[in-house]
Amino acid sequence: MVNSYVKNMLGNEEKILFMTHPHWLLLLRNILIELFLVAVIVAAVTIATAFLPLAAFFYILLLVPLAGMVRDFLIWWNRQFIVTNRRVIQISGVFNKSVTDSSLEKVNDVKMDQSSLGRLFDYGNVEILTASELGVNLFERIGRPIRFKTAMLNAKEQLEHGAPAPAAGAPAGPADIPAMIAQLDQLRQKGVLTDAEFQQKKAELLSKL
């Protein structure tokens, strides 16, 4: 889901190709800690109430971990990693926004690291080496890193060849399919796609002719 803030950032003819957040396990970890605090407060106040009835007033302390859950969700939801047909955008902040752009034209190399657990739950780190002053952009523990990397490389390839990148979910026309197969073949040669993945995607595209 694209919010109005992101839409207002897009230039003319700029389209979002892929968007992800930090992996949900990061959010779950924080929420579990706060649920543990909720359980501790409830147990402590319940025991204290048996001896001091006025101790029930301290149930109000539950607002602290509950507010923490809301805050953690908002921070997670508003941290976005976006690939458009022109650039890669990193956004963070709920009220005060921080935005970092990397033009696809200046992207020199992309490195992805996934642990065994990251492969299992589909998260990882994506490091973008650029020719800009920033030099390196590191996106840590993002969800669906392979799709993020592939979308970025596809968009860069299409931008360099002067062909506009299709938006995510947009149907490909018959005239686009040969070019898309050629692009997939280039990704296969670079090691981004395996032979099996290439043949599967090729068959899917040919079935649309």
N, C-alpha and C. Protein backbone atom coordinates (compact mmCIF):
# COMPACT_ATOMS: atom_id res chain seq x y z
N MET A 1 0.85 -1.18 0.00
CA MET A 1 0.00 0.00 0.00
C MET A 1 0.89 1.24 0.00
N VAL A 2 0.63 2.16 -0.94
CA VAL A 2 1.43 3.36 -1.09
C VAL A 2 0.70 4.53 -0.44
N ASN A 3 1.34 5.18 0.53
CA ASN A 3 0.68 6.31 1.19
C ASN A 3 0.89 7.59 0.41
N SER A 4 0.18 8.64 0.81
CA SER A 4 0.21 9.90 0.09
C SER A 4 1.59 10.55 0.14
N TYR A 5 2.32 10.35 1.23
CA TYR A 5 3.65 10.95 1.35
C TYR A 5 4.57 10.41 0.25
N VAL A 6 4.53 9.10 0.03
CA VAL A 6 5.36 8.50 -1.02
C VAL A 6 4.92 8.96 -2.39
N LYS A 7 3.60 9.01 -2.62
CA LYS A 7 3.09 9.44 -3.92
C LYS A 7 3.54 10.86 -4.26
N ASN A 8 3.58 11.72 -3.25
CA ASN A 8 3.99 13.11 -3.49
C ASN A 8 5.46 13.24 -3.83
N MET A 9 6.25 12.23 -3.51
CA MET A 9 7.67 12.26 -3.80
C MET A 9 8.00 11.88 -5.24
N LEU A 10 7.07 11.22 -5.90
CA LEU A 10 7.34 10.70 -7.24
C LEU A 10 7.33 11.81 -8.28
N GLY A 11 8.26 11.72 -9.22
CA GLY A 11 8.31 12.68 -10.32
C GLY A 11 7.37 12.30 -11.44
N ASN A 12 7.37 13.10 -12.50
CA ASN A 12 6.55 12.81 -13.66
C ASN A 12 7.00 11.49 -14.30
N GLU A 13 6.05 10.63 -14.60
CA GLU A 13 6.29 9.34 -15.23
C GLU A 13 7.10 8.39 -14.34
N GLU A 14 7.25 8.72 -13.06
CA GLU A 14 7.96 7.82 -12.15
C GLU A 14 6.96 6.87 -11.51
N LYS A 15 7.31 5.59 -11.52
CA LYS A 15 6.41 4.57 -11.00
C LYS A 15 7.12 3.69 -9.98
N ILE A 16 6.37 3.27 -8.99
CA ILE A 16 6.91 2.35 -7.99
C ILE A 16 6.87 0.92 -8.55
N LEU A 17 8.02 0.27 -8.54
CA LEU A 17 8.12 -1.09 -9.05
C LEU A 17 8.06 -2.13 -7.93
N PHE A 18 8.63 -1.76 -6.78
CA PHE A 18 8.64 -2.70 -5.66
C PHE A 18 8.83 -1.92 -4.36
N MET A 19 8.19 -2.39 -3.30
CA MET A 19 8.30 -1.73 -2.01
C MET A 19 8.30 -2.79 -0.90
N THR A 20 9.16 -2.60 0.09
CA THR A 20 9.21 -3.54 1.20
C THR A 20 9.51 -2.77 2.49
N HIS A 21 9.45 -3.49 3.60
CA HIS A 21 9.71 -2.94 4.93
C HIS A 21 10.81 -3.77 5.59
N PRO A 22 11.30 -3.34 6.76
CA PRO A 22 12.12 -4.26 7.55
C PRO A 22 11.32 -5.54 7.79
N HIS A 23 12.00 -6.65 7.94
CA HIS A 23 11.29 -7.92 8.09
C HIS A 23 10.41 -7.91 9.34
N TRP A 24 9.29 -8.61 9.26
CA TRP A 24 8.32 -8.62 10.35
C TRP A 24 8.88 -9.26 11.62
N LEU A 25 9.94 -10.08 11.50
CA LEU A 25 10.53 -10.67 12.71
C LEU A 25 11.10 -9.60 13.64
N LEU A 26 11.59 -8.49 13.07
CA LEU A 26 12.11 -7.40 13.90
C LEU A 26 11.00 -6.77 14.72
N LEU A 27 9.84 -6.61 14.08
CA LEU A 27 8.68 -6.07 14.79
C LEU A 27 8.20 -7.06 15.84
N LEU A 28 8.16 -8.34 15.49
CA LEU A 28 7.68 -9.37 16.42
C LEU A 28 8.56 -9.44 17.66
N ARG A 29 9.88 -9.30 17.47
CA ARG A 29 10.80 -9.35 18.61
C ARG A 29 10.48 -8.26 19.63
N ASN A 30 10.27 -7.05 19.14
CA ASN A 30 9.96 -5.94 20.05
C ASN A 30 8.61 -6.12 20.74
N ILE A 31 7.63 -6.61 19.98
CA ILE A 31 6.30 -6.79 20.55
C ILE A 31 6.31 -7.89 21.63
N LEU A 32 7.08 -8.95 21.40
CA LEU A 32 7.15 -10.02 22.40
C LEU A 32 7.77 -9.51 23.70
N ILE A 33 8.77 -8.65 23.59
CA ILE A 33 9.38 -8.06 24.80
C ILE A 33 8.33 -7.26 25.57
N GLU A 34 7.53 -6.49 24.82
CA GLU A 34 6.51 -5.66 25.48
C GLU A 34 5.37 -6.50 26.03
N LEU A 35 5.03 -7.60 25.38
CA LEU A 35 4.02 -8.51 25.93
C LEU A 35 4.51 -9.15 27.23
N PHE A 36 5.81 -9.42 27.29
CA PHE A 36 6.38 -9.97 28.52
C PHE A 36 6.25 -8.94 29.65
N LEU A 37 6.50 -7.67 29.34
CA LEU A 37 6.34 -6.62 30.34
C LEU A 37 4.89 -6.50 30.80
N VAL A 38 3.95 -6.67 29.87
CA VAL A 38 2.52 -6.65 30.22
C VAL A 38 2.22 -7.77 31.22
N ALA A 39 2.73 -8.97 30.92
CA ALA A 39 2.48 -10.11 31.81
C ALA A 39 3.09 -9.88 33.20
N VAL A 40 4.28 -9.30 33.24
CA VAL A 40 4.94 -9.04 34.52
C VAL A 40 4.14 -8.03 35.33
N ILE A 41 3.68 -6.95 34.68
CA ILE A 41 2.92 -5.92 35.38
C ILE A 41 1.60 -6.48 35.91
N VAL A 42 0.91 -7.25 35.07
CA VAL A 42 -0.37 -7.83 35.49
C VAL A 42 -0.17 -8.75 36.69
N ALA A 43 0.86 -9.62 36.62
CA ALA A 43 1.10 -10.55 37.72
C ALA A 43 1.48 -9.81 39.00
N ALA A 44 2.35 -8.82 38.89
CA ALA A 44 2.80 -8.09 40.07
C ALA A 44 1.67 -7.32 40.73
N VAL A 45 0.86 -6.63 39.91
CA VAL A 45 -0.23 -5.82 40.47
C VAL A 45 -1.32 -6.72 41.04
N THR A 46 -1.58 -7.85 40.39
CA THR A 46 -2.61 -8.78 40.88
C THR A 46 -2.22 -9.32 42.26
N ILE A 47 -0.97 -9.70 42.41
CA ILE A 47 -0.50 -10.20 43.72
C ILE A 47 -0.56 -9.09 44.77
N ALA A 48 -0.12 -7.89 44.38
CA ALA A 48 -0.11 -6.77 45.34
C ALA A 48 -1.52 -6.40 45.77
N THR A 49 -2.49 -6.54 44.86
CA THR A 49 -3.88 -6.17 45.16
C THR A 49 -4.46 -7.05 46.26
N ALA A 50 -3.96 -8.28 46.35
CA ALA A 50 -4.46 -9.20 47.38
C ALA A 50 -4.14 -8.67 48.78
N PHE A 51 -3.12 -7.86 48.88
CA PHE A 51 -2.72 -7.31 50.19
C PHE A 51 -3.09 -5.83 50.31
N LEU A 52 -3.00 -5.10 49.22
CA LEU A 52 -3.32 -3.67 49.21
C LEU A 52 -4.29 -3.39 48.07
N PRO A 53 -5.58 -3.27 48.37
CA PRO A 53 -6.58 -3.05 47.31
C PRO A 53 -6.26 -1.85 46.42
N LEU A 54 -5.66 -0.82 46.99
CA LEU A 54 -5.35 0.37 46.19
C LEU A 54 -4.24 0.11 45.17
N ALA A 55 -3.56 -1.03 45.31
CA ALA A 55 -2.50 -1.36 44.36
C ALA A 55 -3.03 -1.56 42.94
N ALA A 56 -4.34 -1.81 42.80
CA ALA A 56 -4.95 -1.97 41.48
C ALA A 56 -4.75 -0.74 40.62
N PHE A 57 -4.53 0.39 41.28
CA PHE A 57 -4.30 1.65 40.53
C PHE A 57 -3.10 1.50 39.60
N PHE A 58 -2.15 0.65 39.98
CA PHE A 58 -0.93 0.51 39.19
C PHE A 58 -1.13 -0.27 37.88
N TYR A 59 -2.36 -0.74 37.65
CA TYR A 59 -2.65 -1.32 36.33
C TYR A 59 -2.45 -0.29 35.22
N ILE A 60 -2.47 0.98 35.62
CA ILE A 60 -2.26 2.05 34.64
C ILE A 60 -0.87 1.94 33.99
N LEU A 61 0.04 1.23 34.66
CA LEU A 61 1.37 1.04 34.09
C LEU A 61 1.35 0.23 32.80
N LEU A 62 0.22 -0.47 32.58
CA LEU A 62 0.09 -1.23 31.33
C LEU A 62 0.13 -0.32 30.11
N LEU A 63 -0.19 0.94 30.30
CA LEU A 63 -0.17 1.87 29.17
C LEU A 63 1.22 2.03 28.58
N VAL A 64 2.25 1.82 29.41
CA VAL A 64 3.63 2.00 28.93
C VAL A 64 3.99 0.96 27.86
N PRO A 65 3.89 -0.35 28.13
CA PRO A 65 4.21 -1.32 27.06
C PRO A 65 3.21 -1.29 25.90
N LEU A 66 1.94 -0.98 26.19
CA LEU A 66 0.95 -0.91 25.10
C LEU A 66 1.28 0.25 24.15
N ALA A 67 1.67 1.39 24.73
CA ALA A 67 2.08 2.51 23.88
C ALA A 67 3.35 2.17 23.11
N GLY A 68 4.22 1.37 23.75
CA GLY A 68 5.44 0.93 23.06
C GLY A 68 5.13 0.07 21.85
N MET A 69 4.10 -0.79 21.95
CA MET A 69 3.71 -1.61 20.81
C MET A 69 3.25 -0.76 19.63
N VAL A 70 2.43 0.24 19.94
CA VAL A 70 1.93 1.13 18.89
C VAL A 70 3.10 1.88 18.24
N ARG A 71 4.01 2.37 19.09
CA ARG A 71 5.16 3.11 18.57
C ARG A 71 6.03 2.23 17.68
N ASP A 72 6.30 0.98 18.12
CA ASP A 72 7.13 0.07 17.34
C ASP A 72 6.49 -0.25 15.98
N PHE A 73 5.16 -0.43 16.00
CA PHE A 73 4.48 -0.72 14.72
C PHE A 73 4.58 0.46 13.78
N LEU A 74 4.36 1.68 14.28
CA LEU A 74 4.42 2.85 13.42
C LEU A 74 5.82 3.06 12.85
N ILE A 75 6.84 2.84 13.67
CA ILE A 75 8.21 2.97 13.19
C ILE A 75 8.48 1.95 12.10
N TRP A 76 8.05 0.70 12.34
CA TRP A 76 8.25 -0.37 11.35
C TRP A 76 7.50 -0.07 10.06
N TRP A 77 6.26 0.33 10.16
CA TRP A 77 5.43 0.56 8.98
C TRP A 77 5.94 1.73 8.14
N ASN A 78 6.47 2.74 8.80
CA ASN A 78 6.93 3.93 8.09
C ASN A 78 8.37 3.83 7.61
N ARG A 79 9.04 2.73 7.91
CA ARG A 79 10.38 2.50 7.35
C ARG A 79 10.20 1.69 6.07
N GLN A 80 10.45 2.33 4.94
CA GLN A 80 10.15 1.74 3.64
C GLN A 80 11.37 1.75 2.75
N PHE A 81 11.48 0.72 1.94
CA PHE A 81 12.54 0.60 0.95
C PHE A 81 11.85 0.43 -0.41
N ILE A 82 12.06 1.39 -1.30
CA ILE A 82 11.27 1.47 -2.52
C ILE A 82 12.17 1.49 -3.75
N VAL A 83 11.77 0.74 -4.75
CA VAL A 83 12.43 0.78 -6.06
C VAL A 83 11.45 1.38 -7.05
N THR A 84 11.86 2.45 -7.72
CA THR A 84 11.06 3.02 -8.80
C THR A 84 11.80 2.80 -10.12
N ASN A 85 11.23 3.27 -11.19
CA ASN A 85 11.90 3.13 -12.48
C ASN A 85 13.04 4.14 -12.65
N ARG A 86 13.32 4.94 -11.61
CA ARG A 86 14.41 5.91 -11.68
C ARG A 86 15.40 5.83 -10.53
N ARG A 87 14.96 5.37 -9.37
CA ARG A 87 15.82 5.45 -8.19
C ARG A 87 15.42 4.44 -7.14
N VAL A 88 16.27 4.34 -6.11
CA VAL A 88 15.98 3.55 -4.92
C VAL A 88 15.79 4.53 -3.77
N ILE A 89 14.72 4.38 -3.01
CA ILE A 89 14.37 5.33 -1.96
C ILE A 89 14.30 4.59 -0.63
N GLN A 90 14.90 5.20 0.39
CA GLN A 90 14.78 4.70 1.76
C GLN A 90 14.13 5.79 2.60
N ILE A 91 13.01 5.44 3.25
CA ILE A 91 12.25 6.40 4.05
C ILE A 91 12.13 5.87 5.47
N SER A 92 12.32 6.75 6.44
CA SER A 92 12.11 6.39 7.84
C SER A 92 11.54 7.58 8.58
N GLY A 93 10.93 7.29 9.73
CA GLY A 93 10.35 8.36 10.54
C GLY A 93 8.84 8.39 10.46
N VAL A 94 8.20 8.59 11.62
CA VAL A 94 6.74 8.64 11.68
C VAL A 94 6.25 10.05 11.41
N PHE A 95 6.74 11.02 12.14
CA PHE A 95 6.34 12.42 11.95
C PHE A 95 7.46 13.20 11.25
N ASN A 96 8.68 13.07 11.76
CA ASN A 96 9.83 13.67 11.09
C ASN A 96 10.41 12.64 10.12
N LYS A 97 10.40 12.96 8.87
CA LYS A 97 10.80 12.01 7.84
C LYS A 97 12.26 12.18 7.45
N SER A 98 12.93 11.06 7.21
CA SER A 98 14.28 11.04 6.66
C SER A 98 14.24 10.24 5.37
N VAL A 99 14.69 10.85 4.27
CA VAL A 99 14.60 10.21 2.96
C VAL A 99 15.99 10.20 2.32
N THR A 100 16.40 9.02 1.85
CA THR A 100 17.67 8.88 1.13
C THR A 100 17.39 8.29 -0.24
N ASP A 101 17.87 8.95 -1.29
CA ASP A 101 17.68 8.49 -2.66
C ASP A 101 19.00 8.01 -3.25
N SER A 102 18.92 7.01 -4.09
CA SER A 102 20.06 6.58 -4.90
C SER A 102 19.57 6.45 -6.33
N SER A 103 20.09 7.29 -7.22
CA SER A 103 19.70 7.21 -8.62
C SER A 103 20.17 5.89 -9.22
N LEU A 104 19.32 5.25 -9.99
CA LEU A 104 19.70 3.97 -10.61
C LEU A 104 20.89 4.15 -11.55
N GLU A 105 21.00 5.33 -12.14
CA GLU A 105 22.11 5.58 -13.06
C GLU A 105 23.45 5.55 -12.34
N LYS A 106 23.44 5.84 -11.02
CA LYS A 106 24.68 5.89 -10.26
C LYS A 106 24.98 4.61 -9.49
N VAL A 107 24.08 3.63 -9.61
CA VAL A 107 24.31 2.37 -8.92
C VAL A 107 25.39 1.58 -9.66
N ASN A 108 26.49 1.30 -8.97
CA ASN A 108 27.60 0.57 -9.58
C ASN A 108 27.54 -0.93 -9.29
N ASP A 109 27.11 -1.27 -8.11
CA ASP A 109 27.10 -2.68 -7.73
C ASP A 109 26.09 -2.89 -6.61
N VAL A 110 25.61 -4.12 -6.49
CA VAL A 110 24.65 -4.47 -5.45
C VAL A 110 25.11 -5.76 -4.79
N LYS A 111 25.16 -5.75 -3.47
CA LYS A 111 25.57 -6.93 -2.71
C LYS A 111 24.45 -7.32 -1.76
N MET A 112 24.15 -8.61 -1.72
CA MET A 112 23.10 -9.10 -0.83
C MET A 112 23.68 -10.17 0.08
N ASP A 113 23.38 -10.08 1.38
CA ASP A 113 23.81 -11.09 2.34
C ASP A 113 22.58 -11.69 3.01
N GLN A 114 22.52 -13.02 3.02
CA GLN A 114 21.43 -13.73 3.69
C GLN A 114 22.01 -14.86 4.52
N SER A 115 21.66 -14.90 5.79
CA SER A 115 22.04 -16.03 6.63
C SER A 115 21.09 -17.19 6.32
N SER A 116 21.38 -18.34 6.91
CA SER A 116 20.49 -19.49 6.71
C SER A 116 19.09 -19.19 7.24
N LEU A 117 19.03 -18.48 8.37
CA LEU A 117 17.73 -18.08 8.93
C LEU A 117 17.06 -17.06 8.01
N GLY A 118 17.87 -16.17 7.43
CA GLY A 118 17.33 -15.19 6.51
C GLY A 118 16.73 -15.83 5.27
N ARG A 119 17.37 -16.88 4.78
CA ARG A 119 16.82 -17.60 3.61
C ARG A 119 15.52 -18.30 3.97
N LEU A 120 15.46 -18.80 5.21
CA LEU A 120 14.26 -19.51 5.64
C LEU A 120 13.07 -18.56 5.76
N PHE A 121 13.31 -17.37 6.34
CA PHE A 121 12.22 -16.42 6.58
C PHE A 121 12.18 -15.28 5.56
N ASP A 122 13.05 -15.33 4.56
CA ASP A 122 13.05 -14.37 3.46
C ASP A 122 13.37 -12.95 3.92
N TYR A 123 14.54 -12.79 4.56
CA TYR A 123 15.04 -11.45 4.87
C TYR A 123 16.55 -11.43 4.67
N GLY A 124 17.12 -10.25 4.58
CA GLY A 124 18.56 -10.14 4.38
C GLY A 124 18.99 -8.69 4.29
N ASN A 125 20.30 -8.48 4.11
CA ASN A 125 20.87 -7.16 3.95
C ASN A 125 21.19 -6.91 2.48
N VAL A 126 20.85 -5.72 2.00
CA VAL A 126 21.17 -5.32 0.63
C VAL A 126 22.05 -4.08 0.70
N GLU A 127 23.22 -4.18 0.10
CA GLU A 127 24.19 -3.08 0.10
C GLU A 127 24.33 -2.55 -1.32
N ILE A 128 24.08 -1.25 -1.48
CA ILE A 128 24.13 -0.62 -2.80
C ILE A 128 25.35 0.28 -2.87
N LEU A 129 26.23 0.00 -3.81
CA LEU A 129 27.41 0.84 -4.03
C LEU A 129 27.11 1.81 -5.15
N THR A 130 27.23 3.09 -4.87
CA THR A 130 26.88 4.11 -5.86
C THR A 130 28.05 5.04 -6.12
N ALA A 131 27.90 5.83 -7.18
CA ALA A 131 28.91 6.82 -7.53
C ALA A 131 28.62 8.17 -6.89
N SER A 132 27.62 8.23 -6.03
CA SER A 132 27.26 9.49 -5.38
C SER A 132 28.16 9.74 -4.18
N GLU A 133 27.95 10.87 -3.51
CA GLU A 133 28.77 11.22 -2.35
C GLU A 133 28.54 10.25 -1.19
N LEU A 134 27.35 9.66 -1.13
CA LEU A 134 27.06 8.74 -0.04
C LEU A 134 27.89 7.47 -0.15
N GLY A 135 28.19 7.05 -1.38
CA GLY A 135 29.05 5.90 -1.60
C GLY A 135 28.35 4.57 -1.41
N VAL A 136 27.87 4.30 -0.20
CA VAL A 136 27.25 3.01 0.11
C VAL A 136 25.93 3.24 0.85
N ASN A 137 24.90 2.55 0.41
CA ASN A 137 23.62 2.53 1.13
C ASN A 137 23.39 1.10 1.59
N LEU A 138 23.21 0.92 2.89
CA LEU A 138 23.00 -0.41 3.44
C LEU A 138 21.59 -0.51 3.98
N PHE A 139 20.82 -1.45 3.43
CA PHE A 139 19.47 -1.72 3.89
C PHE A 139 19.52 -3.02 4.68
N GLU A 140 19.33 -2.92 6.00
CA GLU A 140 19.52 -4.08 6.87
C GLU A 140 18.22 -4.81 7.16
N ARG A 141 18.29 -6.12 7.05
CA ARG A 141 17.20 -7.04 7.42
C ARG A 141 15.87 -6.62 6.79
N ILE A 142 15.89 -6.40 5.51
CA ILE A 142 14.65 -6.05 4.82
C ILE A 142 13.93 -7.32 4.39
N GLY A 143 12.63 -7.23 4.27
CA GLY A 143 11.84 -8.35 3.78
C GLY A 143 11.97 -8.49 2.27
N ARG A 144 11.94 -9.72 1.79
CA ARG A 144 12.00 -10.06 0.36
C ARG A 144 13.20 -9.41 -0.34
N PRO A 145 14.41 -9.63 0.16
CA PRO A 145 15.58 -8.96 -0.42
C PRO A 145 15.89 -9.38 -1.85
N ILE A 146 15.60 -10.64 -2.20
CA ILE A 146 15.88 -11.10 -3.56
C ILE A 146 15.00 -10.36 -4.56
N ARG A 147 13.72 -10.22 -4.24
CA ARG A 147 12.81 -9.49 -5.13
C ARG A 147 13.21 -8.02 -5.21
N PHE A 148 13.67 -7.46 -4.08
CA PHE A 148 14.12 -6.08 -4.08
C PHE A 148 15.31 -5.90 -5.01
N LYS A 149 16.29 -6.78 -4.88
CA LYS A 149 17.49 -6.69 -5.72
C LYS A 149 17.15 -6.90 -7.19
N THR A 150 16.31 -7.89 -7.47
CA THR A 150 15.94 -8.16 -8.86
C THR A 150 15.19 -6.99 -9.49
N ALA A 151 14.25 -6.40 -8.72
CA ALA A 151 13.50 -5.25 -9.24
C ALA A 151 14.44 -4.09 -9.54
N MET A 152 15.43 -3.89 -8.68
CA MET A 152 16.38 -2.79 -8.88
C MET A 152 17.25 -3.03 -10.12
N LEU A 153 17.76 -4.26 -10.27
CA LEU A 153 18.59 -4.56 -11.43
C LEU A 153 17.79 -4.49 -12.73
N ASN A 154 16.54 -4.97 -12.69
CA ASN A 154 15.67 -4.87 -13.87
C ASN A 154 15.45 -3.42 -14.26
N ALA A 155 15.15 -2.58 -13.26
CA ALA A 155 14.88 -1.17 -13.54
C ALA A 155 16.13 -0.47 -14.08
N LYS A 156 17.29 -0.79 -13.53
CA LYS A 156 18.54 -0.19 -14.00
C LYS A 156 18.82 -0.60 -15.44
N GLU A 157 18.61 -1.88 -15.73
CA GLU A 157 18.83 -2.38 -17.09
C GLU A 157 17.91 -1.68 -18.08
N GLN A 158 16.65 -1.54 -17.74
CA GLN A 158 15.69 -0.91 -18.63
C GLN A 158 15.96 0.58 -18.77
N LEU A 159 16.41 1.21 -17.69
CA LEU A 159 16.72 2.64 -17.76
C LEU A 159 17.91 2.90 -18.67
N GLU A 160 18.91 2.04 -18.60
CA GLU A 160 20.11 2.21 -19.42
C GLU A 160 19.83 1.98 -20.89
N HIS A 161 18.82 1.16 -21.20
CA HIS A 161 18.48 0.88 -22.59
C HIS A 161 17.33 1.75 -23.09
N GLY A 162 16.91 2.70 -22.25
CA GLY A 162 15.90 3.66 -22.69
C GLY A 162 14.50 3.15 -22.70
N ALA A 163 14.24 2.00 -22.06
CA ALA A 163 12.89 1.45 -22.03
C ALA A 163 12.30 1.68 -20.66
N PRO A 164 11.10 2.24 -20.55
CA PRO A 164 10.49 2.47 -19.24
C PRO A 164 10.17 1.17 -18.54
N ALA A 165 10.46 1.10 -17.27
CA ALA A 165 10.17 -0.10 -16.48
C ALA A 165 8.70 -0.16 -16.14
N PRO A 166 8.04 -1.33 -16.30
CA PRO A 166 6.63 -1.45 -15.97
C PRO A 166 6.42 -1.41 -14.47
N ALA A 167 5.29 -0.86 -14.03
CA ALA A 167 4.97 -0.85 -12.61
C ALA A 167 4.66 -2.24 -12.14
N ALA A 168 4.82 -2.48 -10.84
CA ALA A 168 4.57 -3.80 -10.28
C ALA A 168 3.12 -4.19 -10.51
N GLY A 169 2.93 -5.41 -11.05
CA GLY A 169 1.58 -5.89 -11.29
C GLY A 169 1.00 -5.49 -12.62
N ALA A 170 1.69 -4.62 -13.38
CA ALA A 170 1.17 -4.18 -14.67
C ALA A 170 1.36 -5.30 -15.68
N PRO A 171 0.33 -5.65 -16.48
CA PRO A 171 0.45 -6.72 -17.46
C PRO A 171 1.38 -6.33 -18.59
N ALA A 172 2.16 -7.28 -19.05
CA ALA A 172 3.08 -7.04 -20.16
C ALA A 172 2.36 -7.28 -21.48
N GLY A 173 2.55 -6.38 -22.43
CA GLY A 173 1.99 -6.56 -23.76
C GLY A 173 2.83 -7.52 -24.56
N PRO A 174 2.29 -8.11 -25.66
CA PRO A 174 3.05 -9.05 -26.48
C PRO A 174 4.35 -8.48 -27.00
N ALA A 175 4.37 -7.19 -27.32
CA ALA A 175 5.59 -6.57 -27.87
C ALA A 175 6.68 -6.48 -26.81
N ASP A 176 6.29 -6.49 -25.53
CA ASP A 176 7.27 -6.37 -24.45
C ASP A 176 7.92 -7.70 -24.09
N ILE A 177 7.26 -8.80 -24.42
CA ILE A 177 7.69 -10.11 -23.93
C ILE A 177 9.07 -10.52 -24.44
N PRO A 178 9.41 -10.39 -25.74
CA PRO A 178 10.77 -10.76 -26.17
C PRO A 178 11.85 -9.97 -25.44
N ALA A 179 11.61 -8.67 -25.21
CA ALA A 179 12.59 -7.85 -24.50
C ALA A 179 12.72 -8.30 -23.06
N MET A 180 11.60 -8.69 -22.44
CA MET A 180 11.64 -9.15 -21.06
C MET A 180 12.38 -10.49 -20.95
N ILE A 181 12.20 -11.36 -21.95
CA ILE A 181 12.92 -12.64 -21.94
C ILE A 181 14.42 -12.40 -22.09
N ALA A 182 14.79 -11.46 -22.96
CA ALA A 182 16.21 -11.12 -23.14
C ALA A 182 16.79 -10.57 -21.85
N GLN A 183 16.00 -9.77 -21.17
CA GLN A 183 16.45 -9.19 -19.90
C GLN A 183 16.63 -10.28 -18.84
N LEU A 184 15.69 -11.23 -18.80
CA LEU A 184 15.81 -12.35 -17.86
C LEU A 184 17.05 -13.18 -18.16
N ASP A 185 17.36 -13.34 -19.44
CA ASP A 185 18.55 -14.09 -19.82
C ASP A 185 19.82 -13.40 -19.32
N GLN A 186 19.83 -12.06 -19.39
CA GLN A 186 20.98 -11.32 -18.89
C GLN A 186 21.13 -11.50 -17.38
N LEU A 187 20.00 -11.51 -16.67
CA LEU A 187 20.04 -11.74 -15.23
C LEU A 187 20.53 -13.15 -14.91
N ARG A 188 20.13 -14.11 -15.77
CA ARG A 188 20.62 -15.49 -15.58
C ARG A 188 22.13 -15.55 -15.75
N GLN A 189 22.64 -14.86 -16.76
CA GLN A 189 24.08 -14.86 -17.01
C GLN A 189 24.85 -14.19 -15.87
N LYS A 190 24.22 -13.21 -15.21
CA LYS A 190 24.86 -12.52 -14.09
C LYS A 190 24.75 -13.30 -12.79
N GLY A 191 23.97 -14.39 -12.80
CA GLY A 191 23.82 -15.19 -11.60
C GLY A 191 22.69 -14.78 -10.70
N VAL A 192 21.90 -13.77 -11.13
CA VAL A 192 20.77 -13.34 -10.31
C VAL A 192 19.67 -14.39 -10.33
N LEU A 193 19.45 -15.01 -11.50
CA LEU A 193 18.46 -16.08 -11.65
C LEU A 193 19.17 -17.40 -11.95
N THR A 194 18.61 -18.49 -11.45
CA THR A 194 19.13 -19.81 -11.80
C THR A 194 18.54 -20.22 -13.15
N ASP A 195 19.10 -21.27 -13.74
CA ASP A 195 18.57 -21.75 -15.03
C ASP A 195 17.11 -22.17 -14.90
N ALA A 196 16.78 -22.81 -13.76
CA ALA A 196 15.40 -23.27 -13.56
C ALA A 196 14.45 -22.08 -13.44
N GLU A 197 14.86 -21.05 -12.71
CA GLU A 197 14.03 -19.86 -12.56
C GLU A 197 13.85 -19.15 -13.89
N PHE A 198 14.94 -19.11 -14.69
CA PHE A 198 14.86 -18.47 -16.00
C PHE A 198 13.86 -19.20 -16.89
N GLN A 199 13.96 -20.54 -16.94
CA GLN A 199 13.06 -21.32 -17.80
C GLN A 199 11.61 -21.19 -17.37
N GLN A 200 11.39 -21.13 -16.03
CA GLN A 200 10.02 -20.98 -15.53
C GLN A 200 9.42 -19.65 -15.92
N LYS A 201 10.20 -18.56 -15.72
CA LYS A 201 9.70 -17.23 -16.05
C LYS A 201 9.54 -17.07 -17.56
N LYS A 202 10.44 -17.67 -18.31
CA LYS A 202 10.33 -17.62 -19.77
C LYS A 202 9.05 -18.29 -20.25
N ALA A 203 8.75 -19.47 -19.66
CA ALA A 203 7.51 -20.18 -20.03
C ALA A 203 6.28 -19.37 -19.67
N GLU A 204 6.32 -18.67 -18.52
CA GLU A 204 5.18 -17.85 -18.11
C GLU A 204 4.95 -16.71 -19.09
N LEU A 205 6.05 -16.10 -19.55
CA LEU A 205 5.91 -14.99 -20.50
C LEU A 205 5.42 -15.48 -21.87
N LEU A 206 5.96 -16.61 -22.32
CA LEU A 206 5.56 -17.14 -23.63
C LEU A 206 4.09 -17.56 -23.64
N SER A 207 3.59 -17.96 -22.46
CA SER A 207 2.17 -18.37 -22.41
C SER A 207 1.23 -17.19 -22.61
N LYS A 208 1.75 -15.94 -22.46
CA LYS A 208 0.92 -14.76 -22.64
C LYS A 208 0.83 -14.30 -24.09
N LEU A 209 1.65 -14.91 -24.96
CA LEU A 209 1.63 -14.51 -26.38
C LEU A 209 0.34 -15.04 -27.06
